[in-house]
Amino acid sequence: MSVEVTDMVSVPHADWEALRAEVKRLRRDAGAQAALSRMQADPGADSDESAVTFTESELAAAWGLSE
């Protein structure tokens, strides 16, 4: 891709950094919204589905980590 000198612009460093920070914030917010949507869509333990709950020692034993 060839760039003509007339197609180029100069952006002050402070403005560039502000734009980068805004993009980072927007991506983080979008990720948080997506995670919240996934959590809300998950039926979780409150649903009619039976969920198994383990204590720490029961889980360790189930994974073969008990001493």
N, C-alpha and C. Protein backbone atom coordinates (compact mmCIF):
# COMPACT_ATOMS: atom_id res chain seq x y z
N MET A 1 0.85 -1.17 0.00
CA MET A 1 0.00 0.00 0.00
C MET A 1 0.89 1.23 0.00
N SER A 2 0.67 2.06 -0.94
CA SER A 2 1.47 3.27 -1.08
C SER A 2 0.71 4.45 -0.48
N VAL A 3 1.42 5.30 0.22
CA VAL A 3 0.80 6.45 0.86
C VAL A 3 1.36 7.72 0.24
N GLU A 4 0.46 8.56 -0.18
CA GLU A 4 0.87 9.86 -0.71
C GLU A 4 1.11 10.81 0.46
N VAL A 5 2.02 11.71 0.30
CA VAL A 5 2.31 12.68 1.36
C VAL A 5 1.07 13.48 1.70
N THR A 6 0.21 13.74 0.75
CA THR A 6 -0.99 14.53 1.00
C THR A 6 -2.01 13.75 1.84
N ASP A 7 -1.88 12.41 1.95
CA ASP A 7 -2.80 11.59 2.73
C ASP A 7 -2.39 11.47 4.19
N MET A 8 -1.25 11.98 4.53
CA MET A 8 -0.72 11.83 5.88
C MET A 8 -1.10 13.04 6.74
N VAL A 9 -1.29 12.77 8.02
CA VAL A 9 -1.58 13.85 8.97
C VAL A 9 -0.63 13.71 10.15
N SER A 10 -0.50 14.76 10.89
CA SER A 10 0.34 14.75 12.08
C SER A 10 -0.58 14.86 13.29
N VAL A 11 -0.38 13.98 14.26
CA VAL A 11 -1.21 13.97 15.47
C VAL A 11 -0.27 14.20 16.66
N PRO A 12 -0.58 15.19 17.48
CA PRO A 12 0.27 15.42 18.66
C PRO A 12 0.31 14.17 19.55
N HIS A 13 1.44 13.95 20.18
CA HIS A 13 1.66 12.75 20.99
C HIS A 13 0.61 12.62 22.10
N ALA A 14 0.28 13.71 22.77
CA ALA A 14 -0.70 13.66 23.86
C ALA A 14 -2.07 13.23 23.34
N ASP A 15 -2.46 13.73 22.17
CA ASP A 15 -3.74 13.34 21.58
C ASP A 15 -3.73 11.86 21.19
N TRP A 16 -2.61 11.41 20.63
CA TRP A 16 -2.48 10.00 20.25
C TRP A 16 -2.62 9.10 21.47
N GLU A 17 -1.95 9.45 22.55
CA GLU A 17 -2.04 8.66 23.77
C GLU A 17 -3.45 8.68 24.34
N ALA A 18 -4.13 9.82 24.27
CA ALA A 18 -5.51 9.91 24.74
C ALA A 18 -6.43 9.01 23.92
N LEU A 19 -6.22 8.97 22.62
CA LEU A 19 -7.01 8.09 21.75
C LEU A 19 -6.75 6.62 22.07
N ARG A 20 -5.49 6.27 22.29
CA ARG A 20 -5.16 4.89 22.64
C ARG A 20 -5.81 4.49 23.96
N ALA A 21 -5.79 5.40 24.93
CA ALA A 21 -6.41 5.12 26.23
C ALA A 21 -7.92 4.94 26.08
N GLU A 22 -8.54 5.75 25.24
CA GLU A 22 -9.98 5.64 25.02
C GLU A 22 -10.34 4.31 24.35
N VAL A 23 -9.56 3.90 23.38
CA VAL A 23 -9.79 2.61 22.72
C VAL A 23 -9.65 1.47 23.73
N LYS A 24 -8.64 1.55 24.58
CA LYS A 24 -8.43 0.53 25.61
C LYS A 24 -9.63 0.47 26.55
N ARG A 25 -10.12 1.64 26.97
CA ARG A 25 -11.28 1.69 27.87
C ARG A 25 -12.52 1.10 27.19
N LEU A 26 -12.73 1.45 25.93
CA LEU A 26 -13.90 0.94 25.21
C LEU A 26 -13.84 -0.57 25.03
N ARG A 27 -12.64 -1.09 24.74
CA ARG A 27 -12.49 -2.55 24.61
C ARG A 27 -12.75 -3.24 25.94
N ARG A 28 -12.25 -2.67 27.04
CA ARG A 28 -12.47 -3.24 28.36
C ARG A 28 -13.96 -3.24 28.71
N ASP A 29 -14.64 -2.13 28.41
CA ASP A 29 -16.08 -2.04 28.68
C ASP A 29 -16.86 -3.04 27.83
N ALA A 30 -16.47 -3.20 26.57
CA ALA A 30 -17.15 -4.16 25.71
C ALA A 30 -16.93 -5.58 26.22
N GLY A 31 -15.73 -5.87 26.68
CA GLY A 31 -15.44 -7.19 27.24
C GLY A 31 -16.24 -7.44 28.50
N ALA A 32 -16.36 -6.41 29.34
CA ALA A 32 -17.14 -6.55 30.58
C ALA A 32 -18.61 -6.79 30.26
N GLN A 33 -19.13 -6.09 29.27
CA GLN A 33 -20.53 -6.28 28.88
C GLN A 33 -20.75 -7.69 28.33
N ALA A 34 -19.81 -8.19 27.53
CA ALA A 34 -19.93 -9.54 26.99
C ALA A 34 -19.88 -10.57 28.11
N ALA A 35 -19.00 -10.37 29.08
CA ALA A 35 -18.90 -11.30 30.21
C ALA A 35 -20.18 -11.27 31.04
N LEU A 36 -20.73 -10.09 31.26
CA LEU A 36 -21.97 -9.97 32.02
C LEU A 36 -23.11 -10.68 31.29
N SER A 37 -23.18 -10.53 30.00
CA SER A 37 -24.20 -11.21 29.21
C SER A 37 -24.08 -12.72 29.32
N ARG A 38 -22.83 -13.23 29.25
CA ARG A 38 -22.62 -14.67 29.39
C ARG A 38 -23.03 -15.15 30.78
N MET A 39 -22.69 -14.38 31.80
CA MET A 39 -23.05 -14.78 33.17
C MET A 39 -24.56 -14.80 33.35
N GLN A 40 -25.23 -13.80 32.80
CA GLN A 40 -26.68 -13.74 32.94
C GLN A 40 -27.38 -14.82 32.14
N ALA A 41 -26.78 -15.26 31.04
CA ALA A 41 -27.37 -16.31 30.22
C ALA A 41 -27.16 -17.69 30.83
N ASP A 42 -26.16 -17.83 31.70
CA ASP A 42 -25.87 -19.10 32.34
C ASP A 42 -26.92 -19.37 33.42
N PRO A 43 -27.59 -20.53 33.36
CA PRO A 43 -28.63 -20.80 34.35
C PRO A 43 -28.08 -20.91 35.77
N GLY A 44 -26.87 -21.38 35.93
CA GLY A 44 -26.23 -21.43 37.23
C GLY A 44 -26.91 -22.35 38.21
N ALA A 45 -26.57 -22.18 39.48
CA ALA A 45 -27.06 -23.06 40.54
C ALA A 45 -28.52 -22.81 40.89
N ASP A 46 -29.07 -21.66 40.51
CA ASP A 46 -30.46 -21.34 40.84
C ASP A 46 -31.47 -21.97 39.89
N SER A 47 -30.98 -22.64 38.86
CA SER A 47 -31.89 -23.20 37.87
C SER A 47 -32.42 -24.56 38.33
N ASP A 48 -33.27 -25.12 37.51
CA ASP A 48 -33.83 -26.45 37.80
C ASP A 48 -32.80 -27.55 37.61
N GLU A 49 -31.72 -27.24 36.90
CA GLU A 49 -30.67 -28.23 36.69
C GLU A 49 -29.99 -28.53 38.02
N SER A 50 -29.68 -29.79 38.22
CA SER A 50 -29.01 -30.13 39.47
C SER A 50 -27.54 -29.78 39.36
N ALA A 51 -27.04 -29.04 40.32
CA ALA A 51 -25.64 -28.65 40.36
C ALA A 51 -25.01 -29.30 41.58
N VAL A 52 -23.82 -29.80 41.39
CA VAL A 52 -23.11 -30.44 42.48
C VAL A 52 -22.21 -29.40 43.15
N THR A 53 -22.25 -29.33 44.46
CA THR A 53 -21.43 -28.41 45.21
C THR A 53 -20.48 -29.21 46.09
N PHE A 54 -19.20 -28.88 46.03
CA PHE A 54 -18.18 -29.58 46.81
C PHE A 54 -17.58 -28.65 47.84
N THR A 55 -17.20 -29.22 48.97
CA THR A 55 -16.34 -28.49 49.90
C THR A 55 -14.93 -28.58 49.35
N GLU A 56 -14.02 -27.83 49.93
CA GLU A 56 -12.64 -27.85 49.46
C GLU A 56 -12.03 -29.24 49.59
N SER A 57 -12.28 -29.90 50.71
CA SER A 57 -11.70 -31.24 50.91
C SER A 57 -12.34 -32.27 49.97
N GLU A 58 -13.65 -32.14 49.73
CA GLU A 58 -14.32 -33.07 48.81
C GLU A 58 -13.79 -32.90 47.39
N LEU A 59 -13.58 -31.66 47.00
CA LEU A 59 -13.06 -31.39 45.66
C LEU A 59 -11.64 -31.92 45.53
N ALA A 60 -10.83 -31.71 46.54
CA ALA A 60 -9.46 -32.23 46.51
C ALA A 60 -9.47 -33.74 46.41
N ALA A 61 -10.36 -34.40 47.14
CA ALA A 61 -10.45 -35.85 47.08
C ALA A 61 -10.92 -36.31 45.70
N ALA A 62 -11.89 -35.61 45.13
CA ALA A 62 -12.41 -35.95 43.80
C ALA A 62 -11.32 -35.81 42.74
N TRP A 63 -10.42 -34.86 42.92
CA TRP A 63 -9.33 -34.66 41.96
C TRP A 63 -8.10 -35.48 42.32
N GLY A 64 -8.19 -36.24 43.38
CA GLY A 64 -7.06 -37.08 43.80
C GLY A 64 -5.95 -36.29 44.44
N LEU A 65 -6.28 -35.17 45.07
CA LEU A 65 -5.27 -34.33 45.67
C LEU A 65 -5.22 -34.45 47.19
N SER A 66 -6.09 -35.26 47.75
CA SER A 66 -6.12 -35.36 49.22
C SER A 66 -4.89 -36.10 49.70
N GLU A 67 -4.46 -35.74 50.88
CA GLU A 67 -3.24 -36.34 51.44
C GLU A 67 -3.57 -37.54 52.30
